[in-house]
C-alpha atoms as a PDB file:
ATOM      1  CA  MET A   1       0.290   0.173   0.217  1.00  0.00           C
ATOM      2  CA  ASN A   2       1.379   3.118  -0.803  1.00  0.00           C
ATOM      3  CA  GLU A   3       1.968   6.066   1.292  1.00  0.00           C
ATOM      4  CA  THR A   4       0.675   9.814   1.105  1.00  0.00           C
ATOM      5  CA  PRO A   5       4.598  11.384   0.691  1.00  0.00           C
ATOM      6  CA  ARG A   6       4.816  13.702   4.281  1.00  0.00           C
ATOM      7  CA  SER A   7       4.678  17.725   3.577  1.00  0.00           C
ATOM      8  CA  GLN A   8       7.830  18.836   3.388  1.00  0.00           C
ATOM      9  CA  GLU A   9       7.077  21.442   6.022  1.00  0.00           C
ATOM     10  CA  THR A  10       5.748  20.626   9.032  1.00  0.00           C
ATOM     11  CA  ALA A  11       5.395  22.159  12.629  1.00  0.00           C
ATOM     12  CA  GLY A  12       8.339  19.895  14.230  1.00  0.00           C
ATOM     13  CA  GLU A  13      10.807  20.526  11.421  1.00  0.00           C
ATOM     14  CA  PRO A  14      13.488  23.476  12.300  1.00  0.00           C
ATOM     15  CA  MET A  15      14.406  24.185   8.862  1.00  0.00           C
ATOM     16  CA  ALA A  16      10.619  24.473   7.941  1.00  0.00           C
ATOM     17  CA  GLY A  17       9.493  28.504   7.217  1.00  0.00           C
ATOM     18  CA  ARG A  18       8.325  30.289   4.886  1.00  0.00           C
ATOM     19  CA  PRO A  19       9.306  30.688   1.488  1.00  0.00           C
ATOM     20  CA  GLN A  20      11.726  33.007   0.260  1.00  0.00           C
ATOM     21  CA  PRO A  21      11.157  35.399  -2.289  1.00  0.00           C
ATOM     22  CA  ARG A  22      13.016  34.521  -5.360  1.00  0.00           C
ATOM     23  CA  SER A  23      14.773  37.602  -6.945  1.00  0.00           C
ATOM     24  CA  GLY A  24      12.962  39.167  -9.704  1.00  0.00           C
ATOM     25  CA  ARG A  25       9.566  38.372  -8.252  1.00  0.00           C
ATOM     26  CA  VAL A  26       6.796  40.430  -9.469  1.00  0.00           C
ATOM     27  CA  PHE A  27       5.101  41.427  -6.390  1.00  0.00           C
ATOM     28  CA  GLY A  28       2.510  43.438  -7.808  1.00  0.00           C
ATOM     29  CA  ARG A  29       2.011  46.680 -10.272  1.00  0.00           C
ATOM     30  CA  THR A  30       2.729  48.970  -7.866  1.00  0.00           C
ATOM     31  CA  GLY A  31       6.621  48.029  -6.639  1.00  0.00           C
ATOM     32  CA  ALA A  32       5.221  47.191  -3.355  1.00  0.00           C
ATOM     33  CA  SER A  33       7.974  45.176  -0.925  1.00  0.00           C
ATOM     34  CA  SER A  34       7.112  41.836   0.757  1.00  0.00           C
ATOM     35  CA  SER A  35       5.814  43.227   4.161  1.00  0.00           C
ATOM     36  CA  GLY A  36       3.080  40.467   4.440  1.00  0.00           C
ATOM     37  CA  ILE A  37       0.268  43.101   3.574  1.00  0.00           C
ATOM     38  CA  PRO A  38      -1.379  41.729   0.236  1.00  0.00           C
ATOM     39  CA  HIS A  39      -1.619  44.726  -2.309  1.00  0.00           C
ATOM     40  CA  ARG A  40      -4.506  45.071  -5.085  1.00  0.00           C
ATOM     41  CA  SER A  41      -3.067  45.173  -8.821  1.00  0.00           C
ATOM     42  CA  ASP A  42      -4.926  48.278  -9.466  1.00  0.00           C
ATOM     43  CA  GLY A  43      -3.193  49.870  -6.311  1.00  0.00           C
ATOM     44  CA  ARG A  44      -5.954  50.187  -4.294  1.00  0.00           C
ATOM     45  CA  PRO A  45      -5.604  49.129  -0.481  1.00  0.00           C
ATOM     46  CA  PRO A  46      -7.550  46.098   0.586  1.00  0.00           C
ATOM     47  CA  GLN A  47     -11.045  46.000   1.424  1.00  0.00           C
ATOM     48  CA  THR A  48     -11.316  47.699   4.928  1.00  0.00           C
ATOM     49  CA  PRO A  49     -12.476  45.042   7.168  1.00  0.00           C
ATOM     50  CA  ARG A  50     -16.014  45.878   8.607  1.00  0.00           C
ATOM     51  CA  GLY A  51     -15.294  46.959  12.145  1.00  0.00           C
ATOM     52  CA  ALA A  52     -12.627  49.362  10.778  1.00  0.00           C
ATOM     53  CA  ARG A  53     -14.854  51.514   8.477  1.00  0.00           C
ATOM     54  CA  GLN A  54     -14.878  55.136   8.608  1.00  0.00           C
ATOM     55  CA  PRO A  55     -17.894  55.916   9.673  1.00  0.00           C
ATOM     56  CA  GLY A  56     -20.195  58.061   6.847  1.00  0.00           C
ATOM     57  CA  PRO A  57     -22.189  61.286   7.136  1.00  0.00           C
ATOM     58  CA  GLY A  58     -24.118  61.339  10.308  1.00  0.00           C
ATOM     59  CA  GLY A  59     -22.327  58.937  12.229  1.00  0.00           C
ATOM     60  CA  ARG A  60     -23.098  56.312  10.240  1.00  0.00           C
ATOM     61  CA  LEU A  61     -21.088  53.429   9.234  1.00  0.00           C
ATOM     62  CA  GLY A  62     -19.987  53.746   5.340  1.00  0.00           C
ATOM     63  CA  THR A  63     -17.316  51.989   3.163  1.00  0.00           C
ATOM     64  CA  THR A  64     -14.460  53.624   1.563  1.00  0.00           C
ATOM     65  CA  PRO A  65     -15.282  55.638  -0.600  1.00  0.00           C
ATOM     66  CA  PRO A  66     -18.091  56.908   1.994  1.00  0.00           C
ATOM     67  CA  VAL A  67     -21.672  56.062   0.685  1.00  0.00           C
ATOM     68  CA  PRO A  68     -23.609  59.563   1.243  1.00  0.00           C
ATOM     69  CA  GLY A  69     -26.171  59.691   3.675  1.00  0.00           C
ATOM     70  CA  ARG A  70     -29.939  60.119   2.811  1.00  0.00           C
ATOM     71  CA  PRO A  71     -30.984  63.565   1.602  1.00  0.00           C
ATOM     72  CA  THR A  72     -31.890  66.155   3.635  1.00  0.00           C
ATOM     73  CA  PHE A  73     -35.355  66.674   2.535  1.00  0.00           C
ATOM     74  CA  LEU A  74     -35.903  63.102   3.017  1.00  0.00           C
ATOM     75  CA  SER A  75     -34.599  63.227   6.369  1.00  0.00           C
ATOM     76  CA  GLY A  76     -37.327  64.327   8.462  1.00  0.00           C
ATOM     77  CA  ARG A  77     -34.803  67.321  10.330  1.00  0.00           C
ATOM     78  CA  PHE A  78     -34.983  70.864   8.279  1.00  0.00           C
ATOM     79  CA  GLY A  79     -33.215  72.578  10.229  1.00  0.00           C
ATOM     80  CA  SER A  80     -36.079  74.350  12.369  1.00  0.00           C
ATOM     81  CA  ASP A  81     -38.087  73.440  14.608  1.00  0.00           C
ATOM     82  CA  GLY A  82     -41.547  73.618  15.271  1.00  0.00           C
ATOM     83  CA  PRO A  83     -44.663  72.380  13.118  1.00  0.00           C
ATOM     84  CA  PHE A  84     -43.828  74.289   9.817  1.00  0.00           C
ATOM     85  CA  GLY A  85     -40.608  72.730   9.201  1.00  0.00           C
ATOM     86  CA  HIS A  86     -38.481  75.115   6.914  1.00  0.00           C
ATOM     87  CA  PHE A  87     -41.282  78.138   7.612  1.00  0.00           C
ATOM     88  CA  THR A  88     -39.630  81.082   7.789  1.00  0.00           C
ATOM     89  CA  PRO A  89     -41.487  83.998   9.432  1.00  0.00           C
ATOM     90  CA  ARG A  90     -39.583  86.667   7.659  1.00  0.00           C
ATOM     91  CA  GLY A  91     -40.001  85.070   4.392  1.00  0.00           C
ATOM     92  CA  THR A  92     -43.471  84.318   4.441  1.00  0.00           C
ATOM     93  CA  PHE A  93     -44.347  88.000   5.984  1.00  0.00           C
ATOM     94  CA  THR A  94     -42.267  89.693   3.114  1.00  0.00           C
ATOM     95  CA  LEU A  95     -43.974  87.669   0.573  1.00  0.00           C
ATOM     96  CA  CYS A  96     -47.781  88.092   1.956  1.00  0.00           C
ATOM     97  CA  ALA A  97     -46.587  92.333   2.290  1.00  0.00           C
ATOM     98  CA  VAL A  98     -45.968  92.559  -1.463  1.00  0.00           C
ATOM     99  CA  LEU A  99     -48.765  90.221  -2.554  1.00  0.00           C
ATOM    100  CA  PHE A 100     -51.341  92.072  -0.310  1.00  0.00           C
ATOM    101  CA  ALA A 101     -49.901  95.851  -1.698  1.00  0.00           C
ATOM    102  CA  LEU A 102     -50.378  93.982  -5.231  1.00  0.00           C
ATOM    103  CA  VAL A 103     -54.053  92.526  -4.463  1.00  0.00           C
ATOM    104  CA  THR A 104     -54.994  96.025  -2.512  1.00  0.00           C
ATOM    105  CA  TRP A 105     -53.746  98.242  -4.811  1.00  0.00           C
ATOM    106  CA  GLN A 106     -55.947  96.445  -7.909  1.00  0.00           C
ATOM    107  CA  VAL A 107     -59.216  96.466  -6.067  1.00  0.00           C
ATOM    108  CA  VAL A 108     -58.625 100.465  -5.035  1.00  0.00           C
ATOM    109  CA  ALA A 109     -57.785 101.420  -8.497  1.00  0.00           C
ATOM    110  CA  GLY A 110     -60.231  99.433 -10.091  1.00  0.00           C
ATOM    111  CA  GLY A 111     -57.428  97.681 -12.206  1.00  0.00           C
ATOM    112  CA  PRO A 112     -57.826  94.208 -14.440  1.00  0.00           C
ATOM    113  CA  LEU A 113     -57.131  91.866 -11.855  1.00  0.00           C
ATOM    114  CA  ARG A 114     -60.616  93.594 -10.010  1.00  0.00           C
ATOM    115  CA  ASP A 115     -62.510  93.093 -13.304  1.00  0.00           C
ATOM    116  CA  ALA A 116     -61.487  89.165 -13.249  1.00  0.00           C
ATOM    117  CA  ASP A 117     -62.426  89.087 -10.045  1.00  0.00           C
ATOM    118  CA  GLU A 118     -66.230  90.463 -10.318  1.00  0.00           C
ATOM    119  CA  ARG A 119     -66.468  88.146 -13.355  1.00  0.00           C
ATOM    120  CA  LEU A 120     -65.543  85.094 -10.962  1.00  0.00           C
ATOM    121  CA  GLY A 121     -67.176  85.763  -8.341  1.00  0.00           C
ATOM    122  CA  ARG A 122     -70.648  86.158 -10.318  1.00  0.00           C
ATOM    123  CA  THR A 123     -69.984  83.030 -12.026  1.00  0.00           C
ATOM    124  CA  ALA A 124     -69.302  81.031  -8.688  1.00  0.00           C
ATOM    125  CA  TYR A 125     -71.774  82.716  -6.839  1.00  0.00           C
ATOM    126  CA  ARG A 126     -74.838  79.256  -5.659  1.00  0.00           C
ATOM    127  CA  ARG A 127     -73.068  76.775  -6.990  1.00  0.00           C
ATOM    128  CA  GLY A 128     -72.784  74.236  -4.993  1.00  0.00           C
ATOM    129  CA  PRO A 129     -75.374  72.616  -1.925  1.00  0.00           C
ATOM    130  CA  ILE A 130     -76.431  75.470  -0.251  1.00  0.00           C
ATOM    131  CA  GLY A 131     -76.614  74.016   3.078  1.00  0.00           C
ATOM    132  CA  LEU A 132     -73.062  73.120   2.416  1.00  0.00           C
ATOM    133  CA  THR A 133     -71.839  76.337   1.249  1.00  0.00           C
ATOM    134  CA  GLU A 134     -73.907  78.135   4.309  1.00  0.00           C
ATOM    135  CA  PHE A 135     -72.221  75.912   6.588  1.00  0.00           C
ATOM    136  CA  LEU A 136     -68.411  76.666   4.972  1.00  0.00           C
ATOM    137  CA  ALA A 137     -69.789  80.391   5.557  1.00  0.00           C
ATOM    138  CA  ASP A 138     -70.794  80.135   9.101  1.00  0.00           C
ATOM    139  CA  LEU A 139     -67.392  78.642  10.070  1.00  0.00           C
ATOM    140  CA  GLY A 140     -65.413  82.276  10.233  1.00  0.00           C
ATOM    141  CA  GLY A 141     -68.547  83.292  12.835  1.00  0.00           C
ATOM    142  CA  ILE A 142     -67.309  84.117  16.075  1.00  0.00           C
ATOM    143  CA  ALA A 143     -69.824  81.874  17.755  1.00  0.00           C
ATOM    144  CA  ILE A 144     -67.776  79.277  16.094  1.00  0.00           C
ATOM    145  CA  ALA A 145     -64.399  80.008  15.252  1.00  0.00           C
ATOM    146  CA  LEU A 146     -63.781  81.803  18.631  1.00  0.00           C
ATOM    147  CA  PRO A 147     -64.970  78.675  21.148  1.00  0.00           C
ATOM    148  CA  VAL A 148     -62.549  76.867  19.179  1.00  0.00           C
ATOM    149  CA  LEU A 149     -59.430  79.031  20.105  1.00  0.00           C
ATOM    150  CA  ALA A 150     -60.863  78.999  23.633  1.00  0.00           C
ATOM    151  CA  VAL A 151     -60.664  75.627  24.299  1.00  0.00           C
ATOM    152  CA  ALA A 152     -56.977  75.659  22.855  1.00  0.00           C
ATOM    153  CA  VAL A 153     -56.021  78.977  24.676  1.00  0.00           C
ATOM    154  CA  GLY A 154     -57.425  77.353  27.912  1.00  0.00           C
ATOM    155  CA  TYR A 155     -55.539  73.891  27.268  1.00  0.00           C
ATOM    156  CA  ALA A 156     -52.286  75.414  26.783  1.00  0.00           C
ATOM    157  CA  ALA A 157     -52.853  77.318  29.943  1.00  0.00           C
ATOM    158  CA  TRP A 158     -53.781  75.041  32.004  1.00  0.00           C
ATOM    159  CA  GLN A 159     -50.241  72.865  30.774  1.00  0.00           C
ATOM    160  CA  GLY A 160     -48.462  76.016  31.718  1.00  0.00           C
ATOM    161  CA  ARG A 161     -47.774  77.493  28.528  1.00  0.00           C
ATOM    162  CA  ARG A 162     -49.420  80.869  29.738  1.00  0.00           C
ATOM    163  CA  ALA A 163     -47.078  82.846  27.449  1.00  0.00           C
ATOM    164  CA  ARG A 164     -47.646  81.362  23.983  1.00  0.00           C
ATOM    165  CA  ALA A 165     -51.596  81.389  25.066  1.00  0.00           C
ATOM    166  CA  LEU A 166     -51.579  85.202  25.427  1.00  0.00           C
ATOM    167  CA  ALA A 167     -49.702  85.438  22.445  1.00  0.00           C
ATOM    168  CA  VAL A 168     -52.360  83.693  20.619  1.00  0.00           C
ATOM    169  CA  VAL A 169     -55.246  85.657  22.686  1.00  0.00           C
ATOM    170  CA  LEU A 170     -53.218  89.024  21.177  1.00  0.00           C
ATOM    171  CA  ALA A 171     -53.383  88.438  17.532  1.00  0.00           C
ATOM    172  CA  MET A 172     -56.836  87.428  17.886  1.00  0.00           C
ATOM    173  CA  ALA A 173     -57.184  90.716  19.172  1.00  0.00           C
ATOM    174  CA  ALA A 174     -55.294  92.412  16.257  1.00  0.00           C
ATOM    175  CA  VAL A 175     -57.900  91.272  13.518  1.00  0.00           C
ATOM    176  CA  PRO A 176     -60.511  93.531  14.005  1.00  0.00           C
ATOM    177  CA  VAL A 177     -57.852  96.277  14.529  1.00  0.00           C
ATOM    178  CA  LEU A 178     -56.513  95.650  11.258  1.00  0.00           C
ATOM    179  CA  VAL A 179     -59.212  94.760   9.358  1.00  0.00           C
ATOM    180  CA  MET A 180     -61.609  97.730  10.363  1.00  0.00           C
ATOM    181  CA  PRO A 181     -59.956 100.306   9.179  1.00  0.00           C
ATOM    182  CA  LEU A 182     -58.922  98.613   5.804  1.00  0.00           C
ATOM    183  CA  LYS A 183     -62.813  98.049   5.005  1.00  0.00           C
ATOM    184  CA  LEU A 184     -63.305 101.426   5.782  1.00  0.00           C
ATOM    185  CA  TRP A 185     -60.560 102.841   3.493  1.00  0.00           C
ATOM    186  CA  ILE A 186     -60.970 100.669   0.648  1.00  0.00           C
ATOM    187  CA  ASP A 187     -65.078 100.905   0.828  1.00  0.00           C
ATOM    188  CA  ARG A 188     -65.662  97.885  -1.528  1.00  0.00           C
ATOM    189  CA  PRO A 189     -69.309  97.308  -2.280  1.00  0.00           C
ATOM    190  CA  GLY A 190     -70.339  93.529  -2.072  1.00  0.00           C
ATOM    191  CA  PRO A 191     -71.188  91.241  -4.664  1.00  0.00           C
ATOM    192  CA  LEU A 192     -75.213  91.450  -3.951  1.00  0.00           C
ATOM    193  CA  THR A 193     -75.368  94.667  -2.539  1.00  0.00           C
ATOM    194  CA  ALA A 194     -74.682  97.981  -2.283  1.00  0.00           C
ATOM    195  CA  GLU A 195     -73.571  98.512   1.011  1.00  0.00           C
ATOM    196  CA  SER A 196     -69.481  98.767   1.050  1.00  0.00           C
ATOM    197  CA  GLY A 197     -66.836  97.628   3.185  1.00  0.00           C
ATOM    198  CA  TYR A 198     -66.073  94.313   1.713  1.00  0.00           C
ATOM    199  CA  TYR A 199     -62.438  93.918   1.753  1.00  0.00           C
ATOM    200  CA  PRO A 200     -60.747  92.184   3.373  1.00  0.00           C
ATOM    201  CA  SER A 201     -63.307  89.422   4.171  1.00  0.00           C
ATOM    202  CA  GLY A 202     -63.670  89.780   8.246  1.00  0.00           C
ATOM    203  CA  HIS A 203     -65.063  86.128   8.322  1.00  0.00           C
ATOM    204  CA  THR A 204     -61.818  85.027   6.564  1.00  0.00           C
ATOM    205  CA  ALA A 205     -59.589  86.225   9.002  1.00  0.00           C
ATOM    206  CA  THR A 206     -61.171  85.519  11.987  1.00  0.00           C
ATOM    207  CA  ALA A 207     -61.369  81.756  10.755  1.00  0.00           C
ATOM    208  CA  MET A 208     -57.610  81.958   9.669  1.00  0.00           C
ATOM    209  CA  VAL A 209     -56.214  83.247  13.114  1.00  0.00           C
ATOM    210  CA  ALA A 210     -58.823  81.341  15.196  1.00  0.00           C
ATOM    211  CA  TYR A 211     -57.894  77.941  13.576  1.00  0.00           C
ATOM    212  CA  CYS A 212     -54.093  78.015  13.020  1.00  0.00           C
ATOM    213  CA  GLY A 213     -53.278  79.784  16.383  1.00  0.00           C
ATOM    214  CA  ALA A 214     -55.412  76.711  17.850  1.00  0.00           C
ATOM    215  CA  ALA A 215     -53.319  74.623  15.860  1.00  0.00           C
ATOM    216  CA  LEU A 216     -49.764  76.322  16.943  1.00  0.00           C
ATOM    217  CA  LEU A 217     -50.907  76.028  20.752  1.00  0.00           C
ATOM    218  CA  LEU A 218     -51.926  72.450  20.166  1.00  0.00           C
ATOM    219  CA  ALA A 219     -48.682  71.251  18.256  1.00  0.00           C
ATOM    220  CA  PRO A 220     -45.897  71.276  21.057  1.00  0.00           C
ATOM    221  CA  ARG A 221     -48.082  69.574  23.605  1.00  0.00           C
ATOM    222  CA  THR A 222     -49.168  66.421  20.637  1.00  0.00           C
ATOM    223  CA  GLY A 223     -45.758  65.724  19.340  1.00  0.00           C
ATOM    224  CA  ARG A 224     -45.567  64.024  15.782  1.00  0.00           C
ATOM    225  CA  ALA A 225     -49.164  63.698  15.836  1.00  0.00           C
ATOM    226  CA  GLY A 226     -50.368  67.219  16.604  1.00  0.00           C
ATOM    227  CA  ARG A 227     -47.735  68.571  13.846  1.00  0.00           C
ATOM    228  CA  GLY A 228     -49.176  65.803  11.607  1.00  0.00           C
ATOM    229  CA  TRP A 229     -53.210  67.011  11.835  1.00  0.00           C
ATOM    230  CA  ALA A 230     -53.219  70.411  13.395  1.00  0.00           C
ATOM    231  CA  MET A 231     -52.140  72.365  11.347  1.00  0.00           C
ATOM    232  CA  PRO A 232     -53.908  70.864   8.001  1.00  0.00           C
ATOM    233  CA  VAL A 233     -57.030  70.771   9.519  1.00  0.00           C
ATOM    234  CA  ALA A 234     -56.620  74.669  10.190  1.00  0.00           C
ATOM    235  CA  VAL A 235     -55.476  75.233   6.741  1.00  0.00           C
ATOM    236  CA  VAL A 236     -58.257  73.227   5.301  1.00  0.00           C
ATOM    237  CA  LEU A 237     -61.386  75.187   7.872  1.00  0.00           C
ATOM    238  CA  SER A 238     -59.435  78.750   6.579  1.00  0.00           C
ATOM    239  CA  VAL A 239     -59.878  77.800   2.928  1.00  0.00           C
ATOM    240  CA  ALA A 240     -63.310  75.974   3.331  1.00  0.00           C
ATOM    241  CA  THR A 241     -64.280  78.914   5.086  1.00  0.00           C
ATOM    242  CA  GLY A 242     -63.344  81.198   1.945  1.00  0.00           C
ATOM    243  CA  ILE A 243     -64.495  78.965  -0.455  1.00  0.00           C
ATOM    244  CA  GLY A 244     -68.502  78.905   1.046  1.00  0.00           C
ATOM    245  CA  LEU A 245     -68.343  82.891   1.460  1.00  0.00           C
ATOM    246  CA  VAL A 246     -67.751  83.282  -2.434  1.00  0.00           C
ATOM    247  CA  LEU A 247     -69.945  80.431  -2.996  1.00  0.00           C
ATOM    248  CA  ARG A 248     -72.959  81.956  -1.254  1.00  0.00           C
ATOM    249  CA  GLY A 249     -72.299  85.982  -2.518  1.00  0.00           C
ATOM    250  CA  TYR A 250     -71.064  87.590   0.510  1.00  0.00           C
ATOM    251  CA  HIS A 251     -67.691  88.017  -0.835  1.00  0.00           C
ATOM    252  CA  TRP A 252     -65.722  88.573  -3.647  1.00  0.00           C
ATOM    253  CA  PRO A 253     -62.747  86.288  -4.198  1.00  0.00           C
ATOM    254  CA  LEU A 254     -60.286  88.895  -3.663  1.00  0.00           C
ATOM    255  CA  ASP A 255     -62.022  89.959  -0.617  1.00  0.00           C
ATOM    256  CA  VAL A 256     -60.774  86.704   0.699  1.00  0.00           C
ATOM    257  CA  LEU A 257     -57.263  86.111  -1.207  1.00  0.00           C
ATOM    258  CA  GLY A 258     -56.800  89.777   0.384  1.00  0.00           C
ATOM    259  CA  SER A 259     -57.578  88.716   4.090  1.00  0.00           C
ATOM    260  CA  TRP A 260     -55.410  85.233   3.441  1.00  0.00           C
ATOM    261  CA  LEU A 261     -52.440  87.318   2.904  1.00  0.00           C
ATOM    262  CA  LEU A 262     -52.978  89.911   5.518  1.00  0.00           C
ATOM    263  CA  CYS A 263     -53.512  87.032   7.965  1.00  0.00           C
ATOM    264  CA  GLY A 264     -50.526  85.280   6.468  1.00  0.00           C
ATOM    265  CA  MET A 265     -48.574  87.989   7.957  1.00  0.00           C
ATOM    266  CA  LEU A 266     -49.987  88.284  11.277  1.00  0.00           C
ATOM    267  CA  LEU A 267     -49.403  84.492  11.920  1.00  0.00           C
ATOM    268  CA  ALA A 268     -45.998  84.706  10.513  1.00  0.00           C
ATOM    269  CA  LEU A 269     -45.401  87.385  13.571  1.00  0.00           C
ATOM    270  CA  LEU A 270     -47.216  85.067  15.902  1.00  0.00           C
ATOM    271  CA  VAL A 271     -44.762  82.424  14.991  1.00  0.00           C
ATOM    272  CA  ALA A 272     -41.950  84.115  15.183  1.00  0.00           C
ATOM    273  CA  ALA A 273     -43.348  85.429  18.813  1.00  0.00           C
ATOM    274  CA  LEU A 274     -43.728  81.932  19.832  1.00  0.00           C
ATOM    275  CA  ARG A 275     -40.526  80.111  18.740  1.00  0.00           C
ATOM    276  CA  ARG A 276     -38.764  83.217  20.867  1.00  0.00           C
ATOM    277  CA  ILE A 277     -40.898  82.114  24.180  1.00  0.00           C
ATOM    278  CA  ASP A 278     -40.050  78.809  23.335  1.00  0.00           C
ATOM    279  CA  ASN A 279     -36.590  79.440  23.262  1.00  0.00           C
ATOM    280  CA  ARG A 280     -36.568  81.652  26.406  1.00  0.00           C
ATOM    281  CA  GLY A 281     -38.362  78.867  28.525  1.00  0.00           C
ATOM    282  CA  ALA A 282     -35.410  76.582  27.193  1.00  0.00           C
ATOM    283  CA  ALA A 283     -32.705  78.312  28.126  1.00  0.00           C
ATOM    284  CA  GLY A 284     -34.267  79.070  31.720  1.00  0.00           C
ATOM    285  CA  SER A 285     -34.833  75.377  31.946  1.00  0.00           C
ATOM    286  CA  GLY A 286     -31.477  74.273  30.626  1.00  0.00           C
ATOM    287  CA  THR A 287     -33.598  71.824  28.185  1.00  0.00           C
ATOM    288  CA  ASP A 288     -34.169  72.103  24.192  1.00  0.00           C
ATOM    289  CA  ALA A 289     -37.057  74.024  22.964  1.00  0.00           C
ATOM    290  CA  PRO A 290     -39.580  71.906  21.522  1.00  0.00           C
END
């Protein structure tokens, strides 16, 4: 029976060792010496072990070269806190102010935008179910909008956020202070009456500030759920109020649009004030602002 030949290199033989490199042997295209570390033929280092990988953006483990992280718009972190994400009060205020000045100028001067507005208003009059459109228009009434805001203000005060509640109450009180002088100055007649004082819409302003103010008070205490539903619901109610007013013939479309722009400026100031209040509270307690 033939025996299997023994290997020439065993642990017990003193002469056993690593083969010596021959002269003229090619170790790689980069000319690397035999340091015991293998080299790739293209000059790049070998694949890095998993535990030694360099962290990629955001502290995530990456590869070499690092794989870029998720884009900012997918990460859910926009660099500004609060329920608005990228909402910038200064930019929003400026945009609303410019558009409000343009719309008001067209209404006062009787420009082409006002002519198109009145044609659209006459076309939209009495469109849709009367009961539904009347209900939507009533959403801007004091009997509905103010109780909703009062509940949110009371809840915020009960939670110890009295400064925030006071800021929203002051914003609501500013609505008639801003709207009434404009109504008297512009003196625009209504769609179905010879009476004047219809620009901007007071019902639209009441609904927008009341519902959006309530959403701003609810969002910090309801967490992500509040940020997910409070403000969208407020916007829907504000838009529905304006649509109902136009369909019922209580206001021209530009009356509603001008009121939205005016209240957009007011809400931008309110958001800036609320952020300052939150920052002061966070500085006093040593925690991050919500």
